[in-house]
C-alpha atoms as a PDB file:
ATOM      1  CA  MET A   1       0.000   0.000   0.000  1.00  0.00           C
ATOM      2  CA  SER A   2       1.368   3.450  -0.906  1.00  0.00           C
ATOM      3  CA  VAL A   3       1.851   6.345   1.522  1.00  0.00           C
ATOM      4  CA  ILE A   4      -0.955   8.216  -0.253  1.00  0.00           C
ATOM      5  CA  GLU A   5      -3.412   5.330   0.114  1.00  0.00           C
ATOM      6  CA  ALA A   6      -2.509   4.844   3.769  1.00  0.00           C
ATOM      7  CA  ALA A   7      -3.127   8.519   4.521  1.00  0.00           C
ATOM      8  CA  ALA A   8      -6.747   8.571   3.319  1.00  0.00           C
ATOM      9  CA  PRO A   9      -9.210   8.840   6.257  1.00  0.00           C
ATOM     10  CA  GLU A  10     -12.494   7.007   6.531  1.00  0.00           C
ATOM     11  CA  ILE A  11     -15.302   9.330   5.488  1.00  0.00           C
ATOM     12  CA  SER A  12     -19.077   9.536   5.628  1.00  0.00           C
ATOM     13  CA  ASN A  13     -21.533  10.807   3.030  1.00  0.00           C
ATOM     14  CA  VAL A  14     -24.083  12.125   5.521  1.00  0.00           C
ATOM     15  CA  HIS A  15     -24.380  15.366   7.483  1.00  0.00           C
ATOM     16  CA  ASP A  16     -23.539  13.651  10.745  1.00  0.00           C
ATOM     17  CA  LYS A  17     -21.363  16.345  12.306  1.00  0.00           C
ATOM     18  CA  PHE A  18     -24.176  18.822  12.957  1.00  0.00           C
ATOM     19  CA  HIS A  19     -26.413  16.005  14.159  1.00  0.00           C
ATOM     20  CA  ASP A  20     -23.732  15.086  16.719  1.00  0.00           C
ATOM     21  CA  LEU A  21     -23.558  18.731  17.766  1.00  0.00           C
ATOM     22  CA  MET A  22     -27.310  18.844  18.277  1.00  0.00           C
ATOM     23  CA  GLU A  23     -27.161  15.707  20.420  1.00  0.00           C
ATOM     24  CA  THR A  24     -24.514  17.147  22.743  1.00  0.00           C
ATOM     25  CA  ALA A  25     -26.546  20.359  23.064  1.00  0.00           C
ATOM     26  CA  LYS A  26     -29.324  18.425  24.804  1.00  0.00           C
ATOM     27  CA  SER A  27     -27.271  18.366  28.015  1.00  0.00           C
ATOM     28  CA  LEU A  28     -27.125  22.184  28.184  1.00  0.00           C
ATOM     29  CA  PRO A  29     -29.815  24.632  29.340  1.00  0.00           C
ATOM     30  CA  PRO A  30     -31.467  26.873  26.718  1.00  0.00           C
ATOM     31  CA  LEU A  31     -29.495  30.020  25.966  1.00  0.00           C
ATOM     32  CA  LYS A  32     -31.197  33.347  26.652  1.00  0.00           C
ATOM     33  CA  VAL A  33     -30.972  35.118  23.285  1.00  0.00           C
ATOM     34  CA  ALA A  34     -31.990  38.617  22.190  1.00  0.00           C
ATOM     35  CA  VAL A  35     -33.216  38.249  18.605  1.00  0.00           C
ATOM     36  CA  ALA A  36     -32.900  41.497  16.680  1.00  0.00           C
ATOM     37  CA  HIS A  37     -35.775  42.279  14.298  1.00  0.00           C
ATOM     38  CA  PRO A  38     -37.233  38.817  13.477  1.00  0.00           C
ATOM     39  CA  CYS A  39     -39.734  40.298  11.033  1.00  0.00           C
ATOM     40  CA  ASP A  40     -39.935  37.730   8.246  1.00  0.00           C
ATOM     41  CA  LYS A  41     -40.925  34.080   7.958  1.00  0.00           C
ATOM     42  CA  SER A  42     -37.390  32.698   7.705  1.00  0.00           C
ATOM     43  CA  SER A  43     -35.953  34.411  10.774  1.00  0.00           C
ATOM     44  CA  LEU A  44     -39.034  33.805  12.937  1.00  0.00           C
ATOM     45  CA  GLU A  45     -39.244  30.136  11.916  1.00  0.00           C
ATOM     46  CA  ALA A  46     -35.611  29.676  12.933  1.00  0.00           C
ATOM     47  CA  VAL A  47     -36.323  31.161  16.368  1.00  0.00           C
ATOM     48  CA  VAL A  48     -39.405  29.007  16.940  1.00  0.00           C
ATOM     49  CA  GLU A  49     -37.641  25.805  15.861  1.00  0.00           C
ATOM     50  CA  ALA A  50     -34.575  26.514  18.020  1.00  0.00           C
ATOM     51  CA  ALA A  51     -36.801  27.270  21.006  1.00  0.00           C
ATOM     52  CA  GLU A  52     -38.803  24.076  20.494  1.00  0.00           C
ATOM     53  CA  ARG A  53     -35.536  22.127  20.583  1.00  0.00           C
ATOM     54  CA  LYS A  54     -34.572  23.971  23.787  1.00  0.00           C
ATOM     55  CA  LEU A  55     -31.465  25.465  22.236  1.00  0.00           C
ATOM     56  CA  ILE A  56     -32.537  29.034  23.008  1.00  0.00           C
ATOM     57  CA  ASP A  57     -34.968  30.981  25.183  1.00  0.00           C
ATOM     58  CA  PRO A  58     -35.630  33.970  22.911  1.00  0.00           C
ATOM     59  CA  ILE A  59     -36.505  37.592  23.553  1.00  0.00           C
ATOM     60  CA  LEU A  60     -37.912  39.028  20.319  1.00  0.00           C
ATOM     61  CA  VAL A  61     -36.829  42.620  19.726  1.00  0.00           C
ATOM     62  CA  GLY A  62     -38.646  44.687  17.110  1.00  0.00           C
ATOM     63  CA  PRO A  63     -42.017  46.172  16.141  1.00  0.00           C
ATOM     64  CA  LYS A  64     -44.436  44.000  18.116  1.00  0.00           C
ATOM     65  CA  ALA A  65     -47.403  44.283  15.756  1.00  0.00           C
ATOM     66  CA  ARG A  66     -45.289  43.341  12.746  1.00  0.00           C
ATOM     67  CA  ILE A  67     -43.711  40.345  14.515  1.00  0.00           C
ATOM     68  CA  GLN A  68     -47.117  39.090  15.622  1.00  0.00           C
ATOM     69  CA  SER A  69     -48.506  39.566  12.112  1.00  0.00           C
ATOM     70  CA  VAL A  70     -45.692  37.492  10.560  1.00  0.00           C
ATOM     71  CA  ALA A  71     -46.256  34.778  13.162  1.00  0.00           C
ATOM     72  CA  LYS A  72     -50.002  34.677  12.489  1.00  0.00           C
ATOM     73  CA  GLU A  73     -49.595  34.617   8.696  1.00  0.00           C
ATOM     74  CA  ASN A  74     -47.227  31.638   8.922  1.00  0.00           C
ATOM     75  CA  GLY A  75     -48.862  29.679  11.718  1.00  0.00           C
ATOM     76  CA  LEU A  76     -46.006  30.210  14.183  1.00  0.00           C
ATOM     77  CA  ASP A  77     -46.755  30.103  17.905  1.00  0.00           C
ATOM     78  CA  ILE A  78     -44.771  32.835  19.679  1.00  0.00           C
ATOM     79  CA  SER A  79     -47.140  33.250  22.621  1.00  0.00           C
ATOM     80  CA  ALA A  80     -44.511  32.058  25.112  1.00  0.00           C
ATOM     81  CA  PHE A  81     -41.868  34.558  23.951  1.00  0.00           C
ATOM     82  CA  GLU A  82     -41.203  37.964  25.465  1.00  0.00           C
ATOM     83  CA  ILE A  83     -41.382  40.776  22.891  1.00  0.00           C
ATOM     84  CA  VAL A  84     -39.470  44.011  23.455  1.00  0.00           C
ATOM     85  CA  GLU A  85     -40.769  46.894  21.365  1.00  0.00           C
ATOM     86  CA  ALA A  86     -38.410  48.588  18.909  1.00  0.00           C
ATOM     87  CA  ALA A  87     -39.496  50.876  16.104  1.00  0.00           C
ATOM     88  CA  PHE A  88     -37.257  49.822  13.189  1.00  0.00           C
ATOM     89  CA  SER A  89     -34.273  47.604  12.342  1.00  0.00           C
ATOM     90  CA  GLN A  90     -31.463  49.802  13.693  1.00  0.00           C
ATOM     91  CA  ASP A  91     -33.494  50.480  16.819  1.00  0.00           C
ATOM     92  CA  SER A  92     -33.992  46.709  17.194  1.00  0.00           C
ATOM     93  CA  ALA A  93     -30.238  46.128  16.989  1.00  0.00           C
ATOM     94  CA  ALA A  94     -29.500  48.811  19.583  1.00  0.00           C
ATOM     95  CA  ARG A  95     -32.163  47.510  21.965  1.00  0.00           C
ATOM     96  CA  ALA A  96     -30.982  43.896  21.588  1.00  0.00           C
ATOM     97  CA  VAL A  97     -27.431  44.943  22.458  1.00  0.00           C
ATOM     98  CA  GLU A  98     -28.800  46.869  25.425  1.00  0.00           C
ATOM     99  CA  LEU A  99     -30.514  43.710  26.707  1.00  0.00           C
ATOM    100  CA  VAL A 100     -27.136  41.981  26.745  1.00  0.00           C
ATOM    101  CA  ARG A 101     -25.506  44.886  28.553  1.00  0.00           C
ATOM    102  CA  GLU A 102     -28.321  44.749  31.129  1.00  0.00           C
ATOM    103  CA  GLY A 103     -27.614  41.057  31.720  1.00  0.00           C
ATOM    104  CA  ARG A 104     -31.004  39.923  30.388  1.00  0.00           C
ATOM    105  CA  ALA A 105     -29.546  38.044  27.416  1.00  0.00           C
ATOM    106  CA  GLU A 106     -26.501  35.796  27.006  1.00  0.00           C
ATOM    107  CA  ALA A 107     -26.262  36.024  23.213  1.00  0.00           C
ATOM    108  CA  LEU A 108     -27.486  37.935  20.168  1.00  0.00           C
ATOM    109  CA  MET A 109     -29.199  36.546  17.093  1.00  0.00           C
ATOM    110  CA  LYS A 110     -29.662  38.250  13.734  1.00  0.00           C
ATOM    111  CA  GLY A 111     -33.230  38.488  12.483  1.00  0.00           C
ATOM    112  CA  SER A 112     -34.303  40.002   9.157  1.00  0.00           C
ATOM    113  CA  LEU A 113     -32.115  43.106   9.392  1.00  0.00           C
ATOM    114  CA  HIS A 114     -28.835  43.580   7.526  1.00  0.00           C
ATOM    115  CA  THR A 115     -25.699  42.199   9.170  1.00  0.00           C
ATOM    116  CA  ASP A 116     -24.018  45.618   9.155  1.00  0.00           C
ATOM    117  CA  GLU A 117     -26.960  47.095  11.084  1.00  0.00           C
ATOM    118  CA  LEU A 118     -26.564  44.539  13.861  1.00  0.00           C
ATOM    119  CA  MET A 119     -22.775  44.734  13.902  1.00  0.00           C
ATOM    120  CA  GLY A 120     -22.910  48.528  13.898  1.00  0.00           C
ATOM    121  CA  ALA A 121     -24.679  48.373  17.252  1.00  0.00           C
ATOM    122  CA  VAL A 122     -22.275  45.723  18.540  1.00  0.00           C
ATOM    123  CA  VAL A 123     -19.081  47.672  17.807  1.00  0.00           C
ATOM    124  CA  LYS A 124     -20.143  51.077  19.160  1.00  0.00           C
ATOM    125  CA  ARG A 125     -17.487  52.163  21.622  1.00  0.00           C
ATOM    126  CA  ASP A 126     -19.678  53.385  24.474  1.00  0.00           C
ATOM    127  CA  THR A 127     -22.832  51.295  24.104  1.00  0.00           C
ATOM    128  CA  GLY A 128     -21.680  48.182  22.228  1.00  0.00           C
ATOM    129  CA  LEU A 129     -20.179  44.832  23.176  1.00  0.00           C
ATOM    130  CA  ARG A 130     -16.505  45.307  22.364  1.00  0.00           C
ATOM    131  CA  THR A 131     -13.718  43.465  24.163  1.00  0.00           C
ATOM    132  CA  SER A 132      -9.939  43.706  23.806  1.00  0.00           C
ATOM    133  CA  ARG A 133     -10.188  41.087  21.042  1.00  0.00           C
ATOM    134  CA  ARG A 134     -11.027  41.997  17.446  1.00  0.00           C
ATOM    135  CA  ILE A 135     -14.486  40.787  16.425  1.00  0.00           C
ATOM    136  CA  SER A 136     -14.481  38.119  13.702  1.00  0.00           C
ATOM    137  CA  HIS A 137     -16.736  35.548  12.050  1.00  0.00           C
ATOM    138  CA  CYS A 138     -16.449  31.793  11.676  1.00  0.00           C
ATOM    139  CA  PHE A 139     -18.265  29.429   9.366  1.00  0.00           C
ATOM    140  CA  ILE A 140     -18.468  25.920  10.785  1.00  0.00           C
ATOM    141  CA  MET A 141     -18.832  23.633   7.775  1.00  0.00           C
ATOM    142  CA  ASP A 142     -20.325  20.146   7.757  1.00  0.00           C
ATOM    143  CA  VAL A 143     -18.909  18.860   4.476  1.00  0.00           C
ATOM    144  CA  PRO A 144     -20.024  15.447   3.159  1.00  0.00           C
ATOM    145  CA  ASP A 145     -17.092  13.169   2.271  1.00  0.00           C
ATOM    146  CA  HIS A 146     -14.872  14.999   4.755  1.00  0.00           C
ATOM    147  CA  ASP A 147     -14.050  13.295   8.032  1.00  0.00           C
ATOM    148  CA  GLN A 148     -14.323  16.328  10.335  1.00  0.00           C
ATOM    149  CA  PRO A 149     -15.995  19.747  10.534  1.00  0.00           C
ATOM    150  CA  LEU A 150     -14.062  22.649   9.046  1.00  0.00           C
ATOM    151  CA  ILE A 151     -13.930  26.128  10.553  1.00  0.00           C
ATOM    152  CA  ILE A 152     -13.387  28.893   7.972  1.00  0.00           C
ATOM    153  CA  THR A 153     -12.407  32.365   9.152  1.00  0.00           C
ATOM    154  CA  ASP A 154     -12.935  35.248   8.488  1.00  0.00           C
ATOM    155  CA  ALA A 155     -15.495  35.243   5.705  1.00  0.00           C
ATOM    156  CA  ALA A 156     -18.046  37.824   6.843  1.00  0.00           C
ATOM    157  CA  VAL A 157     -16.711  40.636   9.070  1.00  0.00           C
ATOM    158  CA  ASN A 158     -13.094  41.719   8.417  1.00  0.00           C
ATOM    159  CA  ILE A 159     -12.676  42.634   4.768  1.00  0.00           C
ATOM    160  CA  ALA A 160      -8.890  42.866   4.389  1.00  0.00           C
ATOM    161  CA  PRO A 161      -7.403  42.092   7.810  1.00  0.00           C
ATOM    162  CA  ASP A 162      -3.841  43.074   8.602  1.00  0.00           C
ATOM    163  CA  LEU A 163      -1.415  40.869  10.516  1.00  0.00           C
ATOM    164  CA  LYS A 164      -2.499  42.131  13.935  1.00  0.00           C
ATOM    165  CA  THR A 165      -6.161  41.497  13.126  1.00  0.00           C
ATOM    166  CA  LYS A 166      -5.366  38.009  11.827  1.00  0.00           C
ATOM    167  CA  VAL A 167      -3.874  37.111  15.205  1.00  0.00           C
ATOM    168  CA  ASP A 168      -7.255  37.786  16.848  1.00  0.00           C
ATOM    169  CA  ILE A 169      -9.166  36.104  14.018  1.00  0.00           C
ATOM    170  CA  ILE A 170      -7.157  32.911  14.468  1.00  0.00           C
ATOM    171  CA  GLN A 171      -7.272  33.002  18.275  1.00  0.00           C
ATOM    172  CA  ASN A 172     -11.060  33.450  18.167  1.00  0.00           C
ATOM    173  CA  ALA A 173     -11.344  30.394  15.913  1.00  0.00           C
ATOM    174  CA  ILE A 174      -9.074  28.320  18.146  1.00  0.00           C
ATOM    175  CA  ASP A 175     -11.162  29.206  21.203  1.00  0.00           C
ATOM    176  CA  LEU A 176     -14.280  28.183  19.280  1.00  0.00           C
ATOM    177  CA  ALA A 177     -12.764  24.836  18.340  1.00  0.00           C
ATOM    178  CA  HIS A 178     -11.962  24.123  21.979  1.00  0.00           C
ATOM    179  CA  ALA A 179     -15.485  25.116  23.045  1.00  0.00           C
ATOM    180  CA  LEU A 180     -16.811  22.613  20.504  1.00  0.00           C
ATOM    181  CA  GLY A 181     -14.735  19.891  22.128  1.00  0.00           C
ATOM    182  CA  GLN A 182     -11.935  19.516  19.587  1.00  0.00           C
ATOM    183  CA  LYS A 183      -8.947  17.935  21.312  1.00  0.00           C
ATOM    184  CA  GLU A 184      -6.395  18.633  18.586  1.00  0.00           C
ATOM    185  CA  VAL A 185      -6.811  21.986  16.846  1.00  0.00           C
ATOM    186  CA  ARG A 186      -4.835  22.435  13.642  1.00  0.00           C
ATOM    187  CA  VAL A 187      -4.805  25.770  11.790  1.00  0.00           C
ATOM    188  CA  ALA A 188      -3.869  26.058   8.130  1.00  0.00           C
ATOM    189  CA  VAL A 189      -3.049  29.637   7.179  1.00  0.00           C
ATOM    190  CA  LEU A 190      -4.112  29.634   3.550  1.00  0.00           C
ATOM    191  CA  SER A 191      -2.652  31.219   0.468  1.00  0.00           C
ATOM    192  CA  ALA A 192      -2.461  30.247  -3.192  1.00  0.00           C
ATOM    193  CA  MET A 193       0.780  28.326  -2.600  1.00  0.00           C
ATOM    194  CA  GLU A 194       2.764  26.621   0.125  1.00  0.00           C
ATOM    195  CA  SER A 195       6.046  28.491  -0.416  1.00  0.00           C
ATOM    196  CA  VAL A 196       6.840  31.923   1.003  1.00  0.00           C
ATOM    197  CA  ASN A 197       6.872  34.325  -1.937  1.00  0.00           C
ATOM    198  CA  PRO A 198       7.792  38.006  -1.403  1.00  0.00           C
ATOM    199  CA  ASP A 199       5.449  38.907  -4.251  1.00  0.00           C
ATOM    200  CA  VAL A 200       2.438  37.337  -2.479  1.00  0.00           C
ATOM    201  CA  PRO A 201       1.804  39.177   0.821  1.00  0.00           C
ATOM    202  CA  SER A 202      -0.466  36.475   2.242  1.00  0.00           C
ATOM    203  CA  THR A 203       2.419  33.990   2.214  1.00  0.00           C
ATOM    204  CA  ILE A 204       4.611  36.354   4.236  1.00  0.00           C
ATOM    205  CA  GLU A 205       1.839  36.977   6.770  1.00  0.00           C
ATOM    206  CA  ALA A 206       1.211  33.229   7.037  1.00  0.00           C
ATOM    207  CA  ALA A 207       4.856  32.610   7.878  1.00  0.00           C
ATOM    208  CA  ALA A 208       4.794  35.418  10.459  1.00  0.00           C
ATOM    209  CA  LEU A 209       1.652  34.025  12.091  1.00  0.00           C
ATOM    210  CA  CYS A 210       3.262  30.597  12.427  1.00  0.00           C
ATOM    211  CA  LYS A 211       6.339  32.098  14.068  1.00  0.00           C
ATOM    212  CA  MET A 212       4.079  34.097  16.414  1.00  0.00           C
ATOM    213  CA  ALA A 213       2.480  30.811  17.429  1.00  0.00           C
ATOM    214  CA  ASP A 214       5.951  29.385  18.084  1.00  0.00           C
ATOM    215  CA  ARG A 215       6.566  32.334  20.417  1.00  0.00           C
ATOM    216  CA  GLY A 216       3.290  31.865  22.302  1.00  0.00           C
ATOM    217  CA  GLN A 217       1.522  34.879  20.785  1.00  0.00           C
ATOM    218  CA  ILE A 218      -1.171  32.536  19.449  1.00  0.00           C
ATOM    219  CA  THR A 219      -2.049  29.615  21.718  1.00  0.00           C
ATOM    220  CA  GLY A 220      -4.056  26.425  21.827  1.00  0.00           C
ATOM    221  CA  ALA A 221      -3.323  24.997  18.382  1.00  0.00           C
ATOM    222  CA  GLU A 222      -0.755  23.849  15.860  1.00  0.00           C
ATOM    223  CA  LEU A 223      -0.287  26.347  13.008  1.00  0.00           C
ATOM    224  CA  ASP A 224       1.239  25.870   9.588  1.00  0.00           C
ATOM    225  CA  GLY A 225       1.373  28.115   6.576  1.00  0.00           C
ATOM    226  CA  PRO A 226       1.373  29.215   3.960  1.00  0.00           C
ATOM    227  CA  LEU A 227      -0.608  26.235   2.715  1.00  0.00           C
ATOM    228  CA  ALA A 228      -2.723  25.968  -0.404  1.00  0.00           C
ATOM    229  CA  LEU A 229      -6.217  24.598   0.148  1.00  0.00           C
ATOM    230  CA  ASP A 230      -5.465  21.177  -1.320  1.00  0.00           C
ATOM    231  CA  ASN A 231      -2.495  20.423   0.903  1.00  0.00           C
ATOM    232  CA  ALA A 232      -4.278  21.861   3.939  1.00  0.00           C
ATOM    233  CA  ILE A 233      -7.179  19.378   3.828  1.00  0.00           C
ATOM    234  CA  SER A 234      -6.028  16.500   1.616  1.00  0.00           C
ATOM    235  CA  PRO A 235      -3.467  14.004   2.982  1.00  0.00           C
ATOM    236  CA  GLN A 236      -2.896  12.858  -0.593  1.00  0.00           C
ATOM    237  CA  ALA A 237      -2.016  16.350  -1.824  1.00  0.00           C
ATOM    238  CA  ALA A 238       0.272  16.951   1.160  1.00  0.00           C
ATOM    239  CA  ALA A 239       2.049  13.652   0.542  1.00  0.00           C
ATOM    240  CA  ILE A 240       2.521  14.369  -3.168  1.00  0.00           C
ATOM    241  CA  LYS A 241       4.123  17.723  -2.370  1.00  0.00           C
ATOM    242  CA  LYS A 242       6.192  16.151   0.432  1.00  0.00           C
ATOM    243  CA  ILE A 243       4.888  18.576   3.047  1.00  0.00           C
ATOM    244  CA  LYS A 244       5.531  17.222   6.523  1.00  0.00           C
ATOM    245  CA  SER A 245       3.749  18.958   9.394  1.00  0.00           C
ATOM    246  CA  PRO A 246       1.070  18.192  12.012  1.00  0.00           C
ATOM    247  CA  VAL A 247      -1.359  20.396  10.046  1.00  0.00           C
ATOM    248  CA  ALA A 248      -0.887  19.560   6.360  1.00  0.00           C
ATOM    249  CA  GLY A 249      -3.709  17.365   5.137  1.00  0.00           C
ATOM    250  CA  ARG A 250      -5.412  17.439   8.563  1.00  0.00           C
ATOM    251  CA  ALA A 251      -6.437  21.065   9.145  1.00  0.00           C
ATOM    252  CA  THR A 252      -9.491  21.739  11.299  1.00  0.00           C
ATOM    253  CA  ILE A 253      -9.357  25.529  10.879  1.00  0.00           C
ATOM    254  CA  LEU A 254      -8.815  27.299   7.555  1.00  0.00           C
ATOM    255  CA  ALA A 255      -7.609  30.879   8.081  1.00  0.00           C
ATOM    256  CA  VAL A 256      -8.164  32.684   4.783  1.00  0.00           C
ATOM    257  CA  PRO A 257      -6.261  35.719   3.472  1.00  0.00           C
ATOM    258  CA  ASP A 258      -9.319  37.994   3.229  1.00  0.00           C
ATOM    259  CA  LEU A 259     -13.102  38.109   3.336  1.00  0.00           C
ATOM    260  CA  GLU A 260     -13.561  37.641  -0.407  1.00  0.00           C
ATOM    261  CA  SER A 261     -11.588  34.405  -0.586  1.00  0.00           C
ATOM    262  CA  GLY A 262     -13.188  33.079   2.599  1.00  0.00           C
ATOM    263  CA  ASN A 263     -16.712  33.893   1.502  1.00  0.00           C
ATOM    264  CA  MET A 264     -16.207  32.258  -1.883  1.00  0.00           C
ATOM    265  CA  LEU A 265     -14.670  29.173  -0.257  1.00  0.00           C
ATOM    266  CA  ALA A 266     -17.544  28.742   2.207  1.00  0.00           C
ATOM    267  CA  LYS A 267     -20.248  29.301  -0.416  1.00  0.00           C
ATOM    268  CA  SER A 268     -18.517  26.995  -2.888  1.00  0.00           C
ATOM    269  CA  LEU A 269     -18.648  24.226  -0.303  1.00  0.00           C
ATOM    270  CA  SER A 270     -22.306  24.984   0.424  1.00  0.00           C
ATOM    271  CA  PHE A 271     -23.597  25.188  -3.138  1.00  0.00           C
ATOM    272  CA  LEU A 272     -21.225  22.851  -4.995  1.00  0.00           C
ATOM    273  CA  ALA A 273     -20.339  20.267  -2.324  1.00  0.00           C
ATOM    274  CA  ASP A 274     -23.678  20.119  -0.457  1.00  0.00           C
ATOM    275  CA  ALA A 275     -22.124  21.367   2.780  1.00  0.00           C
ATOM    276  CA  ASP A 276     -24.097  22.889   5.646  1.00  0.00           C
ATOM    277  CA  ALA A 277     -22.631  26.099   7.093  1.00  0.00           C
ATOM    278  CA  ALA A 278     -23.344  27.381  10.589  1.00  0.00           C
ATOM    279  CA  GLY A 279     -22.253  30.943  11.383  1.00  0.00           C
ATOM    280  CA  ILE A 280     -21.078  32.614  14.585  1.00  0.00           C
ATOM    281  CA  VAL A 281     -19.411  35.924  15.446  1.00  0.00           C
ATOM    282  CA  LEU A 282     -16.722  35.883  18.136  1.00  0.00           C
ATOM    283  CA  GLY A 283     -14.664  38.431  20.020  1.00  0.00           C
ATOM    284  CA  ALA A 284     -17.633  40.334  21.463  1.00  0.00           C
ATOM    285  CA  LYS A 285     -18.843  40.012  25.050  1.00  0.00           C
ATOM    286  CA  VAL A 286     -21.349  37.349  23.969  1.00  0.00           C
ATOM    287  CA  PRO A 287     -21.706  34.999  20.993  1.00  0.00           C
ATOM    288  CA  ILE A 288     -23.577  36.450  18.013  1.00  0.00           C
ATOM    289  CA  ILE A 289     -25.625  34.061  15.879  1.00  0.00           C
ATOM    290  CA  LEU A 290     -25.592  35.039  12.205  1.00  0.00           C
ATOM    291  CA  THR A 291     -27.962  33.177   9.917  1.00  0.00           C
ATOM    292  CA  SER A 292     -28.921  33.745   6.294  1.00  0.00           C
ATOM    293  CA  ARG A 293     -32.262  33.351   4.567  1.00  0.00           C
ATOM    294  CA  ALA A 294     -30.498  30.893   2.241  1.00  0.00           C
ATOM    295  CA  ASP A 295     -29.402  28.661   5.142  1.00  0.00           C
ATOM    296  CA  GLU A 296     -30.868  25.201   5.566  1.00  0.00           C
ATOM    297  CA  GLU A 297     -32.795  24.525   8.774  1.00  0.00           C
ATOM    298  CA  MET A 298     -30.026  22.334  10.232  1.00  0.00           C
ATOM    299  CA  ALA A 299     -27.450  25.083   9.679  1.00  0.00           C
ATOM    300  CA  ARG A 300     -29.609  27.624  11.541  1.00  0.00           C
ATOM    301  CA  LEU A 301     -30.142  25.212  14.422  1.00  0.00           C
ATOM    302  CA  ALA A 302     -26.444  24.330  14.525  1.00  0.00           C
ATOM    303  CA  SER A 303     -25.575  28.037  14.797  1.00  0.00           C
ATOM    304  CA  CYS A 304     -27.737  28.230  17.931  1.00  0.00           C
ATOM    305  CA  ALA A 305     -26.177  25.061  19.359  1.00  0.00           C
ATOM    306  CA  ILE A 306     -22.691  26.476  18.761  1.00  0.00           C
ATOM    307  CA  ALA A 307     -23.581  29.681  20.613  1.00  0.00           C
ATOM    308  CA  GLN A 308     -24.936  27.527  23.417  1.00  0.00           C
ATOM    309  CA  ARG A 309     -21.634  25.628  23.645  1.00  0.00           C
ATOM    310  CA  LEU A 310     -19.632  28.865  23.578  1.00  0.00           C
ATOM    311  CA  ALA A 311     -21.657  30.389  26.399  1.00  0.00           C
ATOM    312  CA  ALA A 312     -21.274  27.215  28.473  1.00  0.00           C
ATOM    313  CA  ALA A 313     -17.500  27.195  27.889  1.00  0.00           C
ATOM    314  CA  ARG A 314     -17.225  30.842  28.958  1.00  0.00           C
ATOM    315  CA  LYS A 315     -19.152  30.128  32.158  1.00  0.00           C
ATOM    316  CA  ALA A 316     -16.858  27.181  32.900  1.00  0.00           C
ATOM    317  CA  ASP A 317     -13.758  29.315  32.304  1.00  0.00           C
ATOM    318  CA  ALA A 318     -15.111  32.095  34.537  1.00  0.00           C
ATOM    319  CA  SER A 319     -15.901  29.605  37.288  1.00  0.00           C
ATOM    320  CA  ALA A 320     -12.436  28.059  37.054  1.00  0.00           C
ATOM    321  CA  ALA A 321     -10.811  31.505  37.216  1.00  0.00           C
ATOM    322  CA  VAL A 322     -12.684  32.334  40.424  1.00  0.00           C
ATOM    323  CA  GLN A 323     -11.591  29.072  42.043  1.00  0.00           C
END
């Protein structure tokens, strides 16, 4: 048997990774979530389904009459949910953030407003949810024919991150992986090639990030880069190119050069490889659940379960720090 044949992992053709995540979520209490402006069928259905599965305990924030009208038109029972009045989408975002600051909610969830409206309220210096860490987004991908979930970052928040921002982006993703129970976290810092090329800035930044990890400036994972996508996730490709590292061919996190490449990678997997993609924003004081109207139901539910796991991990860390 060749080295390439021996390296191939056993794989499954079903979306079992999100199903496993949903099973583990059953042991956790529902997460108190402020849902900003759930004023269309898709966003309100996602809230109702997640609540029925005891993933979240929602507070609906938005124009009450409009929310109730959408629920009635679509046969959705929201009678058990608290509704906090807000006049319009930006007002809904601001009020949802305020609920978190008041301690009434443990997470935020995007409704039918634009992402930049919600994030605008989150990043406000005096009234938002900033921390010392840069805010970033992760897609958690359940890809058929791949043996493990893939985290892709950042594909939705930071457009063209510099080296300093990439440190926070990667650390946020590593913390997420640990919260999801990954024992070995392996980060591939992606570029178009696996050699450092002075003419390709992303390769230089990848090399710098790996050295920063060696010096303890990024913790909790093995890093390698630059790596092209094929030799980051395919043991066969890594073996052919004779790349020897703990990460090559076995990456669990894909750190992309910029938002455009990350967004195209995630959507290519979703629409061409039948992958499900859950979305979460990290680096704020609480997890932020980002869902899209194009998302499948399982992806929306998985996003809630991921936020639930993150909140539980933060509580455990806070409790351990006190002790």
